Amino acid sequence: HRGTIASGDTFIADKGLKAMLSNEFGAICGEMEGGAIGHVCRANG
């Protein structure tokens, strides 16, 4: 699948948080590192 991956410092195990990430960000996958690595890579080109 191709789509948005949402990152945060929470192990996602809650249907309410899951629904929020899907609805607000259009995310199809959640985890704890990719957004931060993307942030650093974008800042450094």
PDB file of all heavy atoms in Angstrom:
ATOM      1  N   HIS A   1       0.861  -1.169   0.000  1.00  0.00           N
ATOM      2  CA  HIS A   1       0.000   0.000   0.000  1.00  0.00           C
ATOM      3  C   HIS A   1       0.903   1.226   0.000  1.00  0.00           C
ATOM      4  O   HIS A   1       1.981   1.226   0.586  1.00  0.00           O
ATOM      5  CB  HIS A   1      -0.898   0.031   1.243  1.00  0.00           C
ATOM      6  CG  HIS A   1      -1.724  -1.206   1.429  1.00  0.00           C
ATOM      7  ND1 HIS A   1      -3.005  -1.332   0.938  1.00  0.00           N
ATOM      8  CD2 HIS A   1      -1.436  -2.378   2.063  1.00  0.00           C
ATOM      9  CE1 HIS A   1      -3.480  -2.532   1.266  1.00  0.00           C
ATOM     10  NE2 HIS A   1      -2.539  -3.178   1.936  1.00  0.00           N
ATOM     11  N   ARG A   2       0.446   2.279  -0.645  1.00  0.00           N
ATOM     12  CA  ARG A   2       1.146   3.564  -0.626  1.00  0.00           C
ATOM     13  C   ARG A   2       0.241   4.585   0.034  1.00  0.00           C
ATOM     14  O   ARG A   2      -0.953   4.640  -0.230  1.00  0.00           O
ATOM     15  CB  ARG A   2       1.484   4.012  -2.053  1.00  0.00           C
ATOM     16  CG  ARG A   2       2.338   3.043  -2.851  1.00  0.00           C
ATOM     17  CD  ARG A   2       3.772   3.009  -2.372  1.00  0.00           C
ATOM     18  NE  ARG A   2       4.462   4.267  -2.582  1.00  0.00           N
ATOM     19  CZ  ARG A   2       5.073   4.613  -3.723  1.00  0.00           C
ATOM     20  NH1 ARG A   2       5.068   3.787  -4.756  1.00  0.00           N
ATOM     21  NH2 ARG A   2       5.699   5.769  -3.823  1.00  0.00           N
ATOM     22  N   GLY A   3       0.786   5.406   0.907  1.00  0.00           N
ATOM     23  CA  GLY A   3      -0.024   6.412   1.581  1.00  0.00           C
ATOM     24  C   GLY A   3       0.730   7.068   2.713  1.00  0.00           C
ATOM     25  O   GLY A   3       1.952   6.907   2.866  1.00  0.00           O
ATOM     26  N   THR A   4      -0.003   7.810   3.542  1.00  0.00           N
ATOM     27  CA  THR A   4       0.584   8.572   4.645  1.00  0.00           C
ATOM     28  C   THR A   4       0.885   7.670   5.835  1.00  0.00           C
ATOM     29  O   THR A   4       0.048   6.866   6.251  1.00  0.00           O
ATOM     30  CB  THR A   4      -0.369   9.690   5.096  1.00  0.00           C
ATOM     31  OG1 THR A   4      -0.624  10.569   3.993  1.00  0.00           O
ATOM     32  CG2 THR A   4       0.212  10.487   6.256  1.00  0.00           C
ATOM     33  N   ILE A   5       2.089   7.804   6.377  1.00  0.00           N
ATOM     34  CA  ILE A   5       2.462   7.151   7.630  1.00  0.00           C
ATOM     35  C   ILE A   5       2.552   8.232   8.700  1.00  0.00           C
ATOM     36  O   ILE A   5       3.242   9.242   8.524  1.00  0.00           O
ATOM     37  CB  ILE A   5       3.783   6.395   7.502  1.00  0.00           C
ATOM     38  CG1 ILE A   5       3.607   5.171   6.577  1.00  0.00           C
ATOM     39  CG2 ILE A   5       4.296   5.956   8.869  1.00  0.00           C
ATOM     40  CD1 ILE A   5       4.852   4.324   6.407  1.00  0.00           C
ATOM     41  N   ALA A   6       1.840   8.014   9.814  1.00  0.00           N
ATOM     42  CA  ALA A   6       1.792   8.985  10.904  1.00  0.00           C
ATOM     43  C   ALA A   6       2.673   8.531  12.050  1.00  0.00           C
ATOM     44  O   ALA A   6       2.601   7.380  12.484  1.00  0.00           O
ATOM     45  CB  ALA A   6       0.351   9.159  11.386  1.00  0.00           C
ATOM     46  N   SER A   7       3.503   9.451  12.562  1.00  0.00           N
ATOM     47  CA  SER A   7       4.443   9.133  13.633  1.00  0.00           C
ATOM     48  C   SER A   7       4.135   9.941  14.888  1.00  0.00           C
ATOM     49  O   SER A   7       3.805  11.126  14.816  1.00  0.00           O
ATOM     50  CB  SER A   7       5.877   9.449  13.199  1.00  0.00           C
ATOM     51  OG  SER A   7       6.245   8.732  12.051  1.00  0.00           O
ATOM     52  N   GLY A   8       4.291   9.293  16.034  1.00  0.00           N
ATOM     53  CA  GLY A   8       4.140   9.969  17.320  1.00  0.00           C
ATOM     54  C   GLY A   8       4.711   9.103  18.420  1.00  0.00           C
ATOM     55  O   GLY A   8       4.926   7.902  18.240  1.00  0.00           O
ATOM     56  N   ASP A   9       4.941   9.700  19.578  1.00  0.00           N
ATOM     57  CA  ASP A   9       5.545   8.959  20.684  1.00  0.00           C
ATOM     58  C   ASP A   9       4.496   8.217  21.511  1.00  0.00           C
ATOM     59  O   ASP A   9       4.452   8.343  22.740  1.00  0.00           O
ATOM     60  CB  ASP A   9       6.346   9.910  21.565  1.00  0.00           C
ATOM     61  CG  ASP A   9       7.702  10.252  20.961  1.00  0.00           C
ATOM     62  OD1 ASP A   9       8.301   9.354  20.341  1.00  0.00           O
ATOM     63  OD2 ASP A   9       8.154  11.401  21.100  1.00  0.00           O
ATOM     64  N   THR A  10       3.672   7.454  20.811  1.00  0.00           N
ATOM     65  CA  THR A  10       2.643   6.634  21.448  1.00  0.00           C
ATOM     66  C   THR A  10       2.545   5.315  20.705  1.00  0.00           C
ATOM     67  O   THR A  10       2.489   5.310  19.469  1.00  0.00           O
ATOM     68  CB  THR A  10       1.267   7.326  21.400  1.00  0.00           C
ATOM     69  OG1 THR A  10       1.333   8.562  22.114  1.00  0.00           O
ATOM     70  CG2 THR A  10       0.187   6.454  22.021  1.00  0.00           C
ATOM     71  N   PHE A  11       2.524   4.205  21.442  1.00  0.00           N
ATOM     72  CA  PHE A  11       2.191   2.927  20.829  1.00  0.00           C
ATOM     73  C   PHE A  11       0.680   2.924  20.632  1.00  0.00           C
ATOM     74  O   PHE A  11      -0.083   2.964  21.609  1.00  0.00           O
ATOM     75  CB  PHE A  11       2.620   1.759  21.722  1.00  0.00           C
ATOM     76  CG  PHE A  11       2.290   0.412  21.133  1.00  0.00           C
ATOM     77  CD1 PHE A  11       3.163  -0.204  20.249  1.00  0.00           C
ATOM     78  CD2 PHE A  11       1.092  -0.231  21.445  1.00  0.00           C
ATOM     79  CE1 PHE A  11       2.857  -1.443  19.697  1.00  0.00           C
ATOM     80  CE2 PHE A  11       0.778  -1.464  20.894  1.00  0.00           C
ATOM     81  CZ  PHE A  11       1.663  -2.078  20.018  1.00  0.00           C
ATOM     82  N   ILE A  12       0.236   2.899  19.395  1.00  0.00           N
ATOM     83  CA  ILE A  12      -1.179   3.064  19.089  1.00  0.00           C
ATOM     84  C   ILE A  12      -1.921   1.764  19.366  1.00  0.00           C
ATOM     85  O   ILE A  12      -1.685   0.747  18.715  1.00  0.00           O
ATOM     86  CB  ILE A  12      -1.371   3.500  17.622  1.00  0.00           C
ATOM     87  CG1 ILE A  12      -0.629   4.820  17.360  1.00  0.00           C
ATOM     88  CG2 ILE A  12      -2.862   3.643  17.295  1.00  0.00           C
ATOM     89  CD1 ILE A  12      -0.500   5.171  15.891  1.00  0.00           C
ATOM     90  N   ALA A  13      -2.806   1.822  20.348  1.00  0.00           N
ATOM     91  CA  ALA A  13      -3.611   0.654  20.721  1.00  0.00           C
ATOM     92  C   ALA A  13      -4.976   1.137  21.202  1.00  0.00           C
ATOM     93  O   ALA A  13      -5.503   0.674  22.207  1.00  0.00           O
ATOM     94  CB  ALA A  13      -2.917  -0.157  21.801  1.00  0.00           C
ATOM     95  N   ASP A  14      -5.527   2.076  20.448  1.00  0.00           N
ATOM     96  CA  ASP A  14      -6.776   2.721  20.845  1.00  0.00           C
ATOM     97  C   ASP A  14      -7.569   3.090  19.600  1.00  0.00           C
ATOM     98  O   ASP A  14      -7.069   3.808  18.737  1.00  0.00           O
ATOM     99  CB  ASP A  14      -6.464   3.976  21.664  1.00  0.00           C
ATOM    100  CG  ASP A  14      -7.701   4.768  22.026  1.00  0.00           C
ATOM    101  OD1 ASP A  14      -8.400   4.370  22.972  1.00  0.00           O
ATOM    102  OD2 ASP A  14      -7.977   5.761  21.327  1.00  0.00           O
ATOM    103  N   LYS A  15      -8.778   2.599  19.516  1.00  0.00           N
ATOM    104  CA  LYS A  15      -9.573   2.828  18.301  1.00  0.00           C
ATOM    105  C   LYS A  15      -9.919   4.297  18.095  1.00  0.00           C
ATOM    106  O   LYS A  15     -10.086   4.746  16.957  1.00  0.00           O
ATOM    107  CB  LYS A  15     -10.830   1.969  18.325  1.00  0.00           C
ATOM    108  CG  LYS A  15     -11.793   2.253  19.467  1.00  0.00           C
ATOM    109  CD  LYS A  15     -12.980   1.294  19.410  1.00  0.00           C
ATOM    110  CE  LYS A  15     -13.966   1.545  20.539  1.00  0.00           C
ATOM    111  NZ  LYS A  15     -15.098   0.588  20.495  1.00  0.00           N
ATOM    112  N   GLY A  16      -9.994   5.074  19.181  1.00  0.00           N
ATOM    113  CA  GLY A  16     -10.258   6.499  19.037  1.00  0.00           C
ATOM    114  C   GLY A  16      -9.101   7.235  18.396  1.00  0.00           C
ATOM    115  O   GLY A  16      -9.288   8.049  17.486  1.00  0.00           O
ATOM    116  N   LEU A  17      -7.872   6.947  18.858  1.00  0.00           N
ATOM    117  CA  LEU A  17      -6.681   7.552  18.257  1.00  0.00           C
ATOM    118  C   LEU A  17      -6.517   7.077  16.828  1.00  0.00           C
ATOM    119  O   LEU A  17      -6.189   7.874  15.925  1.00  0.00           O
ATOM    120  CB  LEU A  17      -5.441   7.190  19.081  1.00  0.00           C
ATOM    121  CG  LEU A  17      -4.086   7.671  18.559  1.00  0.00           C
ATOM    122  CD1 LEU A  17      -4.069   9.177  18.380  1.00  0.00           C
ATOM    123  CD2 LEU A  17      -2.958   7.208  19.486  1.00  0.00           C
ATOM    124  N   LYS A  18      -6.766   5.813  16.596  1.00  0.00           N
ATOM    125  CA  LYS A  18      -6.680   5.260  15.244  1.00  0.00           C
ATOM    126  C   LYS A  18      -7.621   6.001  14.306  1.00  0.00           C
ATOM    127  O   LYS A  18      -7.233   6.380  13.188  1.00  0.00           O
ATOM    128  CB  LYS A  18      -7.018   3.770  15.278  1.00  0.00           C
ATOM    129  CG  LYS A  18      -7.041   3.099  13.920  1.00  0.00           C
ATOM    130  CD  LYS A  18      -7.305   1.601  14.051  1.00  0.00           C
ATOM    131  CE  LYS A  18      -7.366   0.932  12.686  1.00  0.00           C
ATOM    132  NZ  LYS A  18      -7.501  -0.541  12.799  1.00  0.00           N
ATOM    133  N   ALA A  19      -8.848   6.228  14.734  1.00  0.00           N
ATOM    134  CA  ALA A  19      -9.833   6.932  13.893  1.00  0.00           C
ATOM    135  C   ALA A  19      -9.404   8.370  13.640  1.00  0.00           C
ATOM    136  O   ALA A  19      -9.547   8.883  12.521  1.00  0.00           O
ATOM    137  CB  ALA A  19     -11.206   6.883  14.556  1.00  0.00           C
ATOM    138  N   MET A  20      -8.856   9.039  14.653  1.00  0.00           N
ATOM    139  CA  MET A  20      -8.410  10.421  14.481  1.00  0.00           C
ATOM    140  C   MET A  20      -7.301  10.523  13.447  1.00  0.00           C
ATOM    141  O   MET A  20      -7.308  11.398  12.573  1.00  0.00           O
ATOM    142  CB  MET A  20      -7.935  10.986  15.822  1.00  0.00           C
ATOM    143  CG  MET A  20      -7.544  12.477  15.754  1.00  0.00           C
ATOM    144  SD  MET A  20      -5.858  12.812  15.172  1.00  0.00           S
ATOM    145  CE  MET A  20      -4.914  12.346  16.633  1.00  0.00           C
ATOM    146  N   LEU A  21      -6.330   9.604  13.524  1.00  0.00           N
ATOM    147  CA  LEU A  21      -5.212   9.656  12.581  1.00  0.00           C
ATOM    148  C   LEU A  21      -5.667   9.377  11.160  1.00  0.00           C
ATOM    149  O   LEU A  21      -5.159   9.978  10.203  1.00  0.00           O
ATOM    150  CB  LEU A  21      -4.140   8.648  13.003  1.00  0.00           C
ATOM    151  CG  LEU A  21      -3.483   8.919  14.354  1.00  0.00           C
ATOM    152  CD1 LEU A  21      -2.527   7.801  14.713  1.00  0.00           C
ATOM    153  CD2 LEU A  21      -2.766  10.255  14.349  1.00  0.00           C
ATOM    154  N   SER A  22      -6.627   8.488  11.022  1.00  0.00           N
ATOM    155  CA  SER A  22      -7.173   8.195   9.705  1.00  0.00           C
ATOM    156  C   SER A  22      -7.968   9.370   9.158  1.00  0.00           C
ATOM    157  O   SER A  22      -7.799   9.778   7.999  1.00  0.00           O
ATOM    158  CB  SER A  22      -8.051   6.945   9.773  1.00  0.00           C
ATOM    159  OG  SER A  22      -8.660   6.688   8.531  1.00  0.00           O
ATOM    160  N   ASN A  23      -8.805   9.951  10.002  1.00  0.00           N
ATOM    161  CA  ASN A  23      -9.703  11.011   9.548  1.00  0.00           C
ATOM    162  C   ASN A  23      -8.992  12.340   9.353  1.00  0.00           C
ATOM    163  O   ASN A  23      -9.238  13.055   8.374  1.00  0.00           O
ATOM    164  CB  ASN A  23     -10.854  11.188  10.546  1.00  0.00           C
ATOM    165  CG  ASN A  23     -11.757   9.979  10.615  1.00  0.00           C
ATOM    166  OD1 ASN A  23     -11.875   9.232   9.656  1.00  0.00           O
ATOM    167  ND2 ASN A  23     -12.392   9.762  11.758  1.00  0.00           N
ATOM    168  N   GLU A  24      -8.099  12.698  10.299  1.00  0.00           N
ATOM    169  CA  GLU A  24      -7.487  14.022  10.263  1.00  0.00           C
ATOM    170  C   GLU A  24      -6.276  14.097   9.341  1.00  0.00           C
ATOM    171  O   GLU A  24      -6.042  15.112   8.699  1.00  0.00           O
ATOM    172  CB  GLU A  24      -7.101  14.454  11.679  1.00  0.00           C
ATOM    173  CG  GLU A  24      -6.669  15.905  11.760  1.00  0.00           C
ATOM    174  CD  GLU A  24      -6.741  16.467  13.172  1.00  0.00           C
ATOM    175  OE1 GLU A  24      -7.471  15.889  14.011  1.00  0.00           O
ATOM    176  OE2 GLU A  24      -6.070  17.483  13.432  1.00  0.00           O
ATOM    177  N   PHE A  25      -5.512  13.004   9.274  1.00  0.00           N
ATOM    178  CA  PHE A  25      -4.288  13.017   8.471  1.00  0.00           C
ATOM    179  C   PHE A  25      -4.376  12.130   7.237  1.00  0.00           C
ATOM    180  O   PHE A  25      -3.471  12.146   6.411  1.00  0.00           O
ATOM    181  CB  PHE A  25      -3.094  12.578   9.324  1.00  0.00           C
ATOM    182  CG  PHE A  25      -2.748  13.524  10.434  1.00  0.00           C
ATOM    183  CD1 PHE A  25      -3.230  13.311  11.724  1.00  0.00           C
ATOM    184  CD2 PHE A  25      -1.961  14.633  10.204  1.00  0.00           C
ATOM    185  CE1 PHE A  25      -2.915  14.181  12.758  1.00  0.00           C
ATOM    186  CE2 PHE A  25      -1.638  15.510  11.228  1.00  0.00           C
ATOM    187  CZ  PHE A  25      -2.123  15.285  12.509  1.00  0.00           C
ATOM    188  N   GLY A  26      -5.432  11.342   7.116  1.00  0.00           N
ATOM    189  CA  GLY A  26      -5.534  10.395   6.004  1.00  0.00           C
ATOM    190  C   GLY A  26      -4.489   9.302   6.088  1.00  0.00           C
ATOM    191  O   GLY A  26      -4.145   8.680   5.069  1.00  0.00           O
ATOM    192  N   ALA A  27      -3.992   9.030   7.299  1.00  0.00           N
ATOM    193  CA  ALA A  27      -2.908   8.062   7.473  1.00  0.00           C
ATOM    194  C   ALA A  27      -3.429   6.637   7.365  1.00  0.00           C
ATOM    195  O   ALA A  27      -4.536   6.332   7.812  1.00  0.00           O
ATOM    196  CB  ALA A  27      -2.224   8.268   8.817  1.00  0.00           C
ATOM    197  N   ILE A  28      -2.613   5.763   6.782  1.00  0.00           N
ATOM    198  CA  ILE A  28      -2.972   4.346   6.669  1.00  0.00           C
ATOM    199  C   ILE A  28      -2.087   3.462   7.541  1.00  0.00           C
ATOM    200  O   ILE A  28      -2.331   2.274   7.659  1.00  0.00           O
ATOM    201  CB  ILE A  28      -2.929   3.863   5.208  1.00  0.00           C
ATOM    202  CG1 ILE A  28      -1.515   3.920   4.632  1.00  0.00           C
ATOM    203  CG2 ILE A  28      -3.893   4.680   4.349  1.00  0.00           C
ATOM    204  CD1 ILE A  28      -1.379   3.265   3.260  1.00  0.00           C
ATOM    205  N   CYS A  29      -1.068   4.057   8.163  1.00  0.00           N
ATOM    206  CA  CYS A  29      -0.137   3.308   9.007  1.00  0.00           C
ATOM    207  C   CYS A  29       0.373   4.232  10.097  1.00  0.00           C
ATOM    208  O   CYS A  29       0.602   5.428   9.852  1.00  0.00           O
ATOM    209  CB  CYS A  29       1.021   2.776   8.167  1.00  0.00           C
ATOM    210  SG  CYS A  29       2.342   1.956   9.104  1.00  0.00           S
ATOM    211  N   GLY A  30       0.552   3.680  11.294  1.00  0.00           N
ATOM    212  CA  GLY A  30       1.097   4.454  12.399  1.00  0.00           C
ATOM    213  C   GLY A  30       2.330   3.794  12.981  1.00  0.00           C
ATOM    214  O   GLY A  30       2.451   2.570  12.996  1.00  0.00           O
ATOM    215  N   GLU A  31       3.257   4.616  13.479  1.00  0.00           N
ATOM    216  CA  GLU A  31       4.491   4.141  14.094  1.00  0.00           C
ATOM    217  C   GLU A  31       5.124   5.272  14.872  1.00  0.00           C
ATOM    218  O   GLU A  31       4.454   6.287  15.121  1.00  0.00           O
ATOM    219  CB  GLU A  31       5.436   3.533  13.045  1.00  0.00           C
ATOM    220  CG  GLU A  31       5.476   4.273  11.711  1.00  0.00           C
ATOM    221  CD  GLU A  31       6.504   5.355  11.687  1.00  0.00           C
ATOM    222  OE1 GLU A  31       6.357   6.330  12.460  1.00  0.00           O
ATOM    223  OE2 GLU A  31       7.442   5.265  10.884  1.00  0.00           O
ATOM    224  N   MET A  32       6.411   5.143  15.245  1.00  0.00           N
ATOM    225  CA  MET A  32       7.012   6.083  16.187  1.00  0.00           C
ATOM    226  C   MET A  32       8.303   6.755  15.713  1.00  0.00           C
ATOM    227  O   MET A  32       8.914   7.492  16.490  1.00  0.00           O
ATOM    228  CB  MET A  32       7.280   5.364  17.517  1.00  0.00           C
ATOM    229  CG  MET A  32       6.027   4.802  18.172  1.00  0.00           C
ATOM    230  SD  MET A  32       6.328   3.872  19.706  1.00  0.00           S
ATOM    231  CE  MET A  32       6.923   5.166  20.791  1.00  0.00           C
ATOM    232  N   GLU A  33       8.726   6.545  14.465  1.00  0.00           N
ATOM    233  CA  GLU A  33      10.023   7.083  14.040  1.00  0.00           C
ATOM    234  C   GLU A  33      10.038   7.778  12.683  1.00  0.00           C
ATOM    235  O   GLU A  33      10.812   8.729  12.476  1.00  0.00           O
ATOM    236  CB  GLU A  33      11.082   5.960  14.001  1.00  0.00           C
ATOM    237  CG  GLU A  33      11.388   5.312  15.324  1.00  0.00           C
ATOM    238  CD  GLU A  33      10.407   4.204  15.688  1.00  0.00           C
ATOM    239  OE1 GLU A  33       9.850   3.577  14.742  1.00  0.00           O
ATOM    240  OE2 GLU A  33      10.184   3.975  16.884  1.00  0.00           O
ATOM    241  N   GLY A  34       9.261   7.316  11.727  1.00  0.00           N
ATOM    242  CA  GLY A  34       9.401   7.761  10.340  1.00  0.00           C
ATOM    243  C   GLY A  34       9.245   9.259  10.153  1.00  0.00           C
ATOM    244  O   GLY A  34       9.970   9.880   9.368  1.00  0.00           O
ATOM    245  N   GLY A  35       8.292   9.864  10.871  1.00  0.00           N
ATOM    246  CA  GLY A  35       8.078  11.303  10.729  1.00  0.00           C
ATOM    247  C   GLY A  35       9.283  12.102  11.187  1.00  0.00           C
ATOM    248  O   GLY A  35       9.653  13.107  10.565  1.00  0.00           O
ATOM    249  N   ALA A  36       9.904  11.664  12.280  1.00  0.00           N
ATOM    250  CA  ALA A  36      11.082  12.362  12.791  1.00  0.00           C
ATOM    251  C   ALA A  36      12.264  12.213  11.837  1.00  0.00           C
ATOM    252  O   ALA A  36      13.010  13.169  11.596  1.00  0.00           O
ATOM    253  CB  ALA A  36      11.431  11.831  14.177  1.00  0.00           C
ATOM    254  N   ILE A  37      12.453  11.022  11.300  1.00  0.00           N
ATOM    255  CA  ILE A  37      13.541  10.803  10.338  1.00  0.00           C
ATOM    256  C   ILE A  37      13.288  11.621   9.073  1.00  0.00           C
ATOM    257  O   ILE A  37      14.209  12.246   8.532  1.00  0.00           O
ATOM    258  CB  ILE A  37      13.686   9.303  10.035  1.00  0.00           C
ATOM    259  CG1 ILE A  37      14.229   8.581  11.279  1.00  0.00           C
ATOM    260  CG2 ILE A  37      14.618   9.055   8.837  1.00  0.00           C
ATOM    261  CD1 ILE A  37      14.197   7.071  11.208  1.00  0.00           C
ATOM    262  N   GLY A  38      12.036  11.640   8.625  1.00  0.00           N
ATOM    263  CA  GLY A  38      11.690  12.473   7.479  1.00  0.00           C
ATOM    264  C   GLY A  38      11.934  13.949   7.742  1.00  0.00           C
ATOM    265  O   GLY A  38      12.410  14.684   6.862  1.00  0.00           O
ATOM    266  N   HIS A  39      11.622  14.396   8.945  1.00  0.00           N
ATOM    267  CA  HIS A  39      11.839  15.790   9.357  1.00  0.00           C
ATOM    268  C   HIS A  39      13.323  16.147   9.234  1.00  0.00           C
ATOM    269  O   HIS A  39      13.692  17.166   8.636  1.00  0.00           O
ATOM    270  CB  HIS A  39      11.352  15.927  10.804  1.00  0.00           C
ATOM    271  CG  HIS A  39      11.343  17.313  11.342  1.00  0.00           C
ATOM    272  ND1 HIS A  39      10.502  17.700  12.356  1.00  0.00           N
ATOM    273  CD2 HIS A  39      12.084  18.417  11.055  1.00  0.00           C
ATOM    274  CE1 HIS A  39      10.718  18.972  12.650  1.00  0.00           C
ATOM    275  NE2 HIS A  39      11.679  19.425  11.874  1.00  0.00           N
ATOM    276  N   VAL A  40      14.178  15.291   9.793  1.00  0.00           N
ATOM    277  CA  VAL A  40      15.621  15.537   9.750  1.00  0.00           C
ATOM    278  C   VAL A  40      16.148  15.482   8.317  1.00  0.00           C
ATOM    279  O   VAL A  40      16.951  16.337   7.902  1.00  0.00           O
ATOM    280  CB  VAL A  40      16.365  14.520  10.640  1.00  0.00           C
ATOM    281  CG1 VAL A  40      17.866  14.611  10.440  1.00  0.00           C
ATOM    282  CG2 VAL A  40      16.013  14.740  12.106  1.00  0.00           C
ATOM    283  N   CYS A  41      15.693  14.498   7.552  1.00  0.00           N
ATOM    284  CA  CYS A  41      16.161  14.382   6.163  1.00  0.00           C
ATOM    285  C   CYS A  41      15.722  15.593   5.334  1.00  0.00           C
ATOM    286  O   CYS A  41      16.511  16.118   4.539  1.00  0.00           O
ATOM    287  CB  CYS A  41      15.643  13.089   5.547  1.00  0.00           C
ATOM    288  SG  CYS A  41      16.461  11.596   6.151  1.00  0.00           S
ATOM    289  N   ARG A  42      14.497  16.019   5.520  1.00  0.00           N
ATOM    290  CA  ARG A  42      14.017  17.194   4.781  1.00  0.00           C
ATOM    291  C   ARG A  42      14.836  18.430   5.145  1.00  0.00           C
ATOM    292  O   ARG A  42      15.222  19.215   4.269  1.00  0.00           O
ATOM    293  CB  ARG A  42      12.536  17.422   5.087  1.00  0.00           C
ATOM    294  CG  ARG A  42      11.929  18.667   4.458  1.00  0.00           C
ATOM    295  CD  ARG A  42      11.897  18.597   2.931  1.00  0.00           C
ATOM    296  NE  ARG A  42      11.235  19.766   2.370  1.00  0.00           N
ATOM    297  CZ  ARG A  42       9.939  19.804   2.042  1.00  0.00           C
ATOM    298  NH1 ARG A  42       9.181  18.728   2.199  1.00  0.00           N
ATOM    299  NH2 ARG A  42       9.394  20.902   1.568  1.00  0.00           N
ATOM    300  N   ALA A  43      15.141  18.616   6.433  1.00  0.00           N
ATOM    301  CA  ALA A  43      15.917  19.768   6.866  1.00  0.00           C
ATOM    302  C   ALA A  43      17.327  19.753   6.284  1.00  0.00           C
ATOM    303  O   ALA A  43      17.928  20.809   6.061  1.00  0.00           O
ATOM    304  CB  ALA A  43      15.976  19.819   8.389  1.00  0.00           C
ATOM    305  N   ASN A  44      17.857  18.540   6.034  1.00  0.00           N
ATOM    306  CA  ASN A  44      19.226  18.402   5.515  1.00  0.00           C
ATOM    307  C   ASN A  44      19.286  18.174   4.007  1.00  0.00           C
ATOM    308  O   ASN A  44      20.379  18.050   3.451  1.00  0.00           O
ATOM    309  CB  ASN A  44      19.927  17.248   6.218  1.00  0.00           C
ATOM    310  CG  ASN A  44      20.332  17.562   7.642  1.00  0.00           C
ATOM    311  OD1 ASN A  44      21.406  18.102   7.894  1.00  0.00           O
ATOM    312  ND2 ASN A  44      19.466  17.232   8.606  1.00  0.00           N
ATOM    313  N   GLY A  45      18.144  18.085   3.355  1.00  0.00           N
ATOM    314  CA  GLY A  45      18.132  17.863   1.911  1.00  0.00           C
ATOM    315  C   GLY A  45      18.557  16.472   1.504  1.00  0.00           C
ATOM    316  O   GLY A  45      19.120  16.289   0.413  1.00  0.00           O
TER     317      GLY A  45
END
